């Protein structure tokens, strides 16, 4: 194997994420944003994408509801329903509260799902990179074995050629010896 091939084999056996170094640099535009605000937004979204955020947010919403007179609102709603009124009169505060809650949970759950998908994608990419490296190593090993076999075949071919030439020489010597010896023995005139 040539010197360049050894160096290439060493690179193949290196870090499977060596081609993704630009994501790991803190000043990279791919590492959470290129500006201060993009990095802050990335960290905020990362924090919002947790179950802890959903639980704390739920507690804040429930606390807000109770602190702002949920009992009074409930009593007024029961009285209104008893007298044939609406349970959520204009401006539909309950409906707005439901939509706000749905938006809150949807946003948080989408971020959580995106983070899980990112982890899965990263694991898949690392596995694919390792697999490509293994294949490259196997191809390098097979190429080396193929080169060794080709060298052995070449050496055997040279030996066969040498033996063939030697056999030709021996055949000529045997032929000469046979022809000379045969002519002296049985090749003369009858007596």
C-alpha atoms as a PDB file:
ATOM      1  CA  UNK A   1       0.000   0.000   0.000  1.00  0.00           C
ATOM      2  CA  UNK A   2       1.331   3.426  -0.897  1.00  0.00           C
ATOM      3  CA  UNK A   3       1.901   6.194   1.646  1.00  0.00           C
ATOM      4  CA  UNK A   4      -1.102   8.198   0.373  1.00  0.00           C
ATOM      5  CA  UNK A   5      -3.357   5.167   0.830  1.00  0.00           C
ATOM      6  CA  UNK A   6      -2.322   4.790   4.470  1.00  0.00           C
ATOM      7  CA  UNK A   7      -3.150   8.440   5.160  1.00  0.00           C
ATOM      8  CA  UNK A   8      -6.515   8.080   3.481  1.00  0.00           C
ATOM      9  CA  UNK A   9      -7.303   4.922   5.480  1.00  0.00           C
ATOM     10  CA  UNK A  10      -6.497   6.793   8.709  1.00  0.00           C
ATOM     11  CA  UNK A  11      -8.860   9.631   7.739  1.00  0.00           C
ATOM     12  CA  UNK A  12     -11.628   7.118   6.992  1.00  0.00           C
ATOM     13  CA  UNK A  13     -11.252   5.629  10.459  1.00  0.00           C
ATOM     14  CA  UNK A  14     -11.543   9.083  12.117  1.00  0.00           C
ATOM     15  CA  UNK A  15     -14.497  10.776  13.755  1.00  0.00           C
ATOM     16  CA  UNK A  16     -17.722   9.897  11.881  1.00  0.00           C
ATOM     17  CA  UNK A  17     -18.910  13.504  12.355  1.00  0.00           C
ATOM     18  CA  UNK A  18     -15.642  15.036  11.080  1.00  0.00           C
ATOM     19  CA  UNK A  19     -17.468  16.511   8.084  1.00  0.00           C
ATOM     20  CA  UNK A  20     -19.932  18.329  10.322  1.00  0.00           C
ATOM     21  CA  UNK A  21     -17.453  20.409  12.341  1.00  0.00           C
ATOM     22  CA  UNK A  22     -19.033  23.632  11.089  1.00  0.00           C
ATOM     23  CA  UNK A  23     -22.060  22.879  13.308  1.00  0.00           C
ATOM     24  CA  UNK A  24     -19.918  22.652  16.432  1.00  0.00           C
ATOM     25  CA  UNK A  25     -18.212  26.034  16.186  1.00  0.00           C
ATOM     26  CA  UNK A  26     -19.864  28.670  18.389  1.00  0.00           C
ATOM     27  CA  UNK A  27     -19.358  31.419  15.792  1.00  0.00           C
ATOM     28  CA  UNK A  28     -20.812  29.331  12.956  1.00  0.00           C
ATOM     29  CA  UNK A  29     -24.103  30.427  11.355  1.00  0.00           C
ATOM     30  CA  UNK A  30     -25.149  26.759  11.590  1.00  0.00           C
ATOM     31  CA  UNK A  31     -24.579  26.517  15.356  1.00  0.00           C
ATOM     32  CA  UNK A  32     -27.811  28.037  16.649  1.00  0.00           C
ATOM     33  CA  UNK A  33     -27.857  31.182  14.542  1.00  0.00           C
ATOM     34  CA  UNK A  34     -25.383  33.750  13.385  1.00  0.00           C
ATOM     35  CA  UNK A  35     -26.638  36.736  15.370  1.00  0.00           C
ATOM     36  CA  UNK A  36     -27.166  37.281  19.069  1.00  0.00           C
ATOM     37  CA  UNK A  37     -30.961  37.316  18.664  1.00  0.00           C
ATOM     38  CA  UNK A  38     -30.950  34.076  16.664  1.00  0.00           C
ATOM     39  CA  UNK A  39     -28.910  32.362  19.393  1.00  0.00           C
ATOM     40  CA  UNK A  40     -31.284  33.730  22.073  1.00  0.00           C
ATOM     41  CA  UNK A  41     -34.280  32.523  20.052  1.00  0.00           C
ATOM     42  CA  UNK A  42     -32.709  29.066  19.697  1.00  0.00           C
ATOM     43  CA  UNK A  43     -32.046  28.805  23.442  1.00  0.00           C
ATOM     44  CA  UNK A  44     -35.570  30.077  24.251  1.00  0.00           C
ATOM     45  CA  UNK A  45     -37.188  27.597  21.851  1.00  0.00           C
ATOM     46  CA  UNK A  46     -35.040  24.845  23.307  1.00  0.00           C
ATOM     47  CA  UNK A  47     -36.267  25.749  26.808  1.00  0.00           C
ATOM     48  CA  UNK A  48     -39.883  25.966  25.655  1.00  0.00           C
ATOM     49  CA  UNK A  49     -39.609  22.507  24.160  1.00  0.00           C
ATOM     50  CA  UNK A  50     -39.609  20.712  27.485  1.00  0.00           C
ATOM     51  CA  UNK A  51     -42.232  18.997  29.601  1.00  0.00           C
ATOM     52  CA  UNK A  52     -41.121  21.221  32.496  1.00  0.00           C
ATOM     53  CA  UNK A  53     -42.176  24.277  30.457  1.00  0.00           C
ATOM     54  CA  UNK A  54     -45.622  22.753  29.795  1.00  0.00           C
ATOM     55  CA  UNK A  55     -46.160  21.938  33.490  1.00  0.00           C
ATOM     56  CA  UNK A  56     -45.002  25.366  34.707  1.00  0.00           C
ATOM     57  CA  UNK A  57     -47.066  27.099  32.021  1.00  0.00           C
ATOM     58  CA  UNK A  58     -50.141  25.092  33.006  1.00  0.00           C
ATOM     59  CA  UNK A  59     -49.687  26.038  36.636  1.00  0.00           C
ATOM     60  CA  UNK A  60     -49.351  29.724  35.698  1.00  0.00           C
ATOM     61  CA  UNK A  61     -52.521  29.594  33.563  1.00  0.00           C
ATOM     62  CA  UNK A  62     -54.498  27.846  36.320  1.00  0.00           C
ATOM     63  CA  UNK A  63     -53.161  30.298  38.909  1.00  0.00           C
ATOM     64  CA  UNK A  64     -54.139  33.225  36.690  1.00  0.00           C
ATOM     65  CA  UNK A  65     -57.636  31.841  36.199  1.00  0.00           C
ATOM     66  CA  UNK A  66     -58.220  31.323  39.904  1.00  0.00           C
ATOM     67  CA  UNK A  67     -56.601  34.627  40.874  1.00  0.00           C
ATOM     68  CA  UNK A  68     -58.850  36.513  38.445  1.00  0.00           C
ATOM     69  CA  UNK A  69     -62.079  35.239  39.879  1.00  0.00           C
ATOM     70  CA  UNK A  70     -62.745  31.843  38.378  1.00  0.00           C
ATOM     71  CA  UNK A  71     -65.181  31.139  41.213  1.00  0.00           C
ATOM     72  CA  UNK A  72     -67.051  34.405  40.566  1.00  0.00           C
ATOM     73  CA  UNK A  73     -67.080  33.676  36.817  1.00  0.00           C
ATOM     74  CA  UNK A  74     -68.388  30.175  37.514  1.00  0.00           C
ATOM     75  CA  UNK A  75     -71.155  31.494  39.782  1.00  0.00           C
ATOM     76  CA  UNK A  76     -72.218  34.076  37.184  1.00  0.00           C
ATOM     77  CA  UNK A  77     -72.223  31.396  34.473  1.00  0.00           C
ATOM     78  CA  UNK A  78     -74.436  29.090  36.578  1.00  0.00           C
ATOM     79  CA  UNK A  79     -76.846  31.974  37.324  1.00  0.00           C
ATOM     80  CA  UNK A  80     -76.959  32.947  33.642  1.00  0.00           C
ATOM     81  CA  UNK A  81     -77.685  29.372  32.584  1.00  0.00           C
ATOM     82  CA  UNK A  82     -80.392  29.053  35.262  1.00  0.00           C
ATOM     83  CA  UNK A  83     -82.134  32.128  33.839  1.00  0.00           C
ATOM     84  CA  UNK A  84     -81.771  31.024  30.195  1.00  0.00           C
ATOM     85  CA  UNK A  85     -78.676  33.079  29.476  1.00  0.00           C
ATOM     86  CA  UNK A  86     -75.469  32.168  27.686  1.00  0.00           C
ATOM     87  CA  UNK A  87     -72.744  30.273  29.513  1.00  0.00           C
ATOM     88  CA  UNK A  88     -70.043  32.278  27.667  1.00  0.00           C
ATOM     89  CA  UNK A  89     -71.440  35.728  26.790  1.00  0.00           C
ATOM     90  CA  UNK A  90     -69.705  38.154  24.474  1.00  0.00           C
ATOM     91  CA  UNK A  91     -66.743  38.755  24.151  1.00  0.00           C
ATOM     92  CA  UNK A  92     -66.498  34.941  24.600  1.00  0.00           C
ATOM     93  CA  UNK A  93     -63.803  34.959  27.236  1.00  0.00           C
ATOM     94  CA  UNK A  94     -64.007  31.205  27.798  1.00  0.00           C
ATOM     95  CA  UNK A  95     -63.628  30.524  24.078  1.00  0.00           C
ATOM     96  CA  UNK A  96     -60.588  32.827  23.921  1.00  0.00           C
ATOM     97  CA  UNK A  97     -59.127  31.063  26.945  1.00  0.00           C
ATOM     98  CA  UNK A  98     -59.584  27.663  25.269  1.00  0.00           C
ATOM     99  CA  UNK A  99     -57.945  28.854  22.032  1.00  0.00           C
ATOM    100  CA  UNK A 100     -55.068  30.386  23.981  1.00  0.00           C
ATOM    101  CA  UNK A 101     -54.543  27.136  25.869  1.00  0.00           C
ATOM    102  CA  UNK A 102     -54.630  25.117  22.649  1.00  0.00           C
ATOM    103  CA  UNK A 103     -52.084  27.454  21.062  1.00  0.00           C
ATOM    104  CA  UNK A 104     -49.847  27.252  24.131  1.00  0.00           C
ATOM    105  CA  UNK A 105     -49.869  23.451  24.252  1.00  0.00           C
ATOM    106  CA  UNK A 106     -49.615  23.047  20.491  1.00  0.00           C
ATOM    107  CA  UNK A 107     -46.560  25.281  20.276  1.00  0.00           C
ATOM    108  CA  UNK A 108     -44.819  23.591  23.188  1.00  0.00           C
ATOM    109  CA  UNK A 109     -45.616  20.078  21.951  1.00  0.00           C
ATOM    110  CA  UNK A 110     -44.446  20.898  18.416  1.00  0.00           C
ATOM    111  CA  UNK A 111     -41.126  22.120  19.797  1.00  0.00           C
ATOM    112  CA  UNK A 112     -40.791  18.967  21.924  1.00  0.00           C
ATOM    113  CA  UNK A 113     -41.510  16.801  18.869  1.00  0.00           C
ATOM    114  CA  UNK A 114     -38.982  18.758  16.779  1.00  0.00           C
ATOM    115  CA  UNK A 115     -36.305  18.254  19.423  1.00  0.00           C
ATOM    116  CA  UNK A 116     -37.034  14.513  19.518  1.00  0.00           C
ATOM    117  CA  UNK A 117     -36.875  14.348  15.711  1.00  0.00           C
ATOM    118  CA  UNK A 118     -33.584  16.254  15.746  1.00  0.00           C
ATOM    119  CA  UNK A 119     -32.112  13.723  18.175  1.00  0.00           C
ATOM    120  CA  UNK A 120     -33.356  10.867  15.969  1.00  0.00           C
ATOM    121  CA  UNK A 121     -31.952  12.496  12.824  1.00  0.00           C
ATOM    122  CA  UNK A 122     -28.597  13.040  14.521  1.00  0.00           C
ATOM    123  CA  UNK A 123     -28.454   9.413  15.692  1.00  0.00           C
ATOM    124  CA  UNK A 124     -29.385   8.212  12.195  1.00  0.00           C
ATOM    125  CA  UNK A 125     -26.733  10.421  10.597  1.00  0.00           C
ATOM    126  CA  UNK A 126     -24.069   9.194  13.015  1.00  0.00           C
ATOM    127  CA  UNK A 127     -25.050   5.593  12.301  1.00  0.00           C
ATOM    128  CA  UNK A 128     -24.995   6.224   8.541  1.00  0.00           C
ATOM    129  CA  UNK A 129     -21.577   7.877   8.808  1.00  0.00           C
ATOM    130  CA  UNK A 130     -20.231   4.905  10.776  1.00  0.00           C
ATOM    131  CA  UNK A 131     -21.691   2.544   8.197  1.00  0.00           C
ATOM    132  CA  UNK A 132     -20.094   4.483   5.334  1.00  0.00           C
ATOM    133  CA  UNK A 133     -16.761   4.395   7.179  1.00  0.00           C
ATOM    134  CA  UNK A 134     -17.065   0.647   7.727  1.00  0.00           C
ATOM    135  CA  UNK A 135     -17.835   0.153   4.039  1.00  0.00           C
ATOM    136  CA  UNK A 136     -14.863   2.316   3.071  1.00  0.00           C
ATOM    137  CA  UNK A 137     -12.621   0.293   5.399  1.00  0.00           C
ATOM    138  CA  UNK A 138     -13.899  -2.960   3.950  1.00  0.00           C
ATOM    139  CA  UNK A 139     -13.341  -1.665   0.412  1.00  0.00           C
ATOM    140  CA  UNK A 140      -9.815  -0.586   1.345  1.00  0.00           C
ATOM    141  CA  UNK A 141      -9.106  -4.010   2.850  1.00  0.00           C
ATOM    142  CA  UNK A 142     -10.562  -5.775  -0.199  1.00  0.00           C
ATOM    143  CA  UNK A 143      -8.522  -3.570  -2.517  1.00  0.00           C
ATOM    144  CA  UNK A 144      -5.355  -4.389  -0.551  1.00  0.00           C
ATOM    145  CA  UNK A 145      -6.147  -8.126  -0.697  1.00  0.00           C
ATOM    146  CA  UNK A 146      -6.882  -7.820  -4.414  1.00  0.00           C
ATOM    147  CA  UNK A 147      -3.569  -6.019  -4.949  1.00  0.00           C
ATOM    148  CA  UNK A 148      -1.733  -8.727  -2.958  1.00  0.00           C
ATOM    149  CA  UNK A 149      -3.421 -11.484  -4.994  1.00  0.00           C
ATOM    150  CA  UNK A 150      -2.586  -9.689  -8.237  1.00  0.00           C
ATOM    151  CA  UNK A 151       1.051  -9.475  -7.135  1.00  0.00           C
ATOM    152  CA  UNK A 152       1.073 -13.192  -6.289  1.00  0.00           C
ATOM    153  CA  UNK A 153      -0.486 -14.038  -9.658  1.00  0.00           C
ATOM    154  CA  UNK A 154       2.163 -11.925 -11.386  1.00  0.00           C
ATOM    155  CA  UNK A 155       4.954 -13.707  -9.490  1.00  0.00           C
ATOM    156  CA  UNK A 156       3.451 -17.122 -10.317  1.00  0.00           C
ATOM    157  CA  UNK A 157       3.094 -16.119 -13.970  1.00  0.00           C
ATOM    158  CA  UNK A 158       6.774 -15.160 -14.060  1.00  0.00           C
ATOM    159  CA  UNK A 159       7.710 -18.512 -12.477  1.00  0.00           C
ATOM    160  CA  UNK A 160       5.523 -20.401 -14.980  1.00  0.00           C
ATOM    161  CA  UNK A 161       7.085 -18.448 -17.838  1.00  0.00           C
ATOM    162  CA  UNK A 162      10.559 -19.217 -16.488  1.00  0.00           C
ATOM    163  CA  UNK A 163       9.671 -22.893 -16.054  1.00  0.00           C
ATOM    164  CA  UNK A 164       8.183 -22.938 -19.551  1.00  0.00           C
ATOM    165  CA  UNK A 165      11.402 -21.552 -21.016  1.00  0.00           C
ATOM    166  CA  UNK A 166      13.416 -24.069 -18.991  1.00  0.00           C
ATOM    167  CA  UNK A 167      11.111 -26.886 -20.158  1.00  0.00           C
ATOM    168  CA  UNK A 168      11.610 -25.741 -23.755  1.00  0.00           C
ATOM    169  CA  UNK A 169      15.372 -25.884 -23.285  1.00  0.00           C
ATOM    170  CA  UNK A 170      15.144 -29.312 -21.663  1.00  0.00           C
ATOM    171  CA  UNK A 171      12.857 -30.541 -24.451  1.00  0.00           C
ATOM    172  CA  UNK A 172      15.362 -29.390 -27.079  1.00  0.00           C
ATOM    173  CA  UNK A 173      18.221 -31.075 -25.206  1.00  0.00           C
ATOM    174  CA  UNK A 174      16.257 -34.312 -24.880  1.00  0.00           C
ATOM    175  CA  UNK A 175      15.317 -34.128 -28.567  1.00  0.00           C
ATOM    176  CA  UNK A 176      18.934 -33.571 -29.606  1.00  0.00           C
ATOM    177  CA  UNK A 177      20.155 -36.376 -27.370  1.00  0.00           C
ATOM    178  CA  UNK A 178      17.458 -38.711 -28.638  1.00  0.00           C
ATOM    179  CA  UNK A 179      18.008 -37.891 -32.265  1.00  0.00           C
ATOM    180  CA  UNK A 180      21.814 -38.228 -32.030  1.00  0.00           C
ATOM    181  CA  UNK A 181      21.654 -41.360 -29.975  1.00  0.00           C
ATOM    182  CA  UNK A 182      18.901 -42.901 -32.149  1.00  0.00           C
ATOM    183  CA  UNK A 183      20.796 -42.194 -35.416  1.00  0.00           C
ATOM    184  CA  UNK A 184      23.922 -43.980 -34.174  1.00  0.00           C
ATOM    185  CA  UNK A 185      22.001 -46.964 -32.935  1.00  0.00           C
ATOM    186  CA  UNK A 186      19.393 -47.718 -35.487  1.00  0.00           C
ATOM    187  CA  UNK A 187      19.960 -45.134 -38.145  1.00  0.00           C
ATOM    188  CA  UNK A 188      22.880 -46.886 -39.983  1.00  0.00           C
ATOM    189  CA  UNK A 189      22.857 -49.062 -43.127  1.00  0.00           C
ATOM    190  CA  UNK A 190      21.765 -52.710 -42.783  1.00  0.00           C
ATOM    191  CA  UNK A 191      24.575 -55.182 -42.495  1.00  0.00           C
END
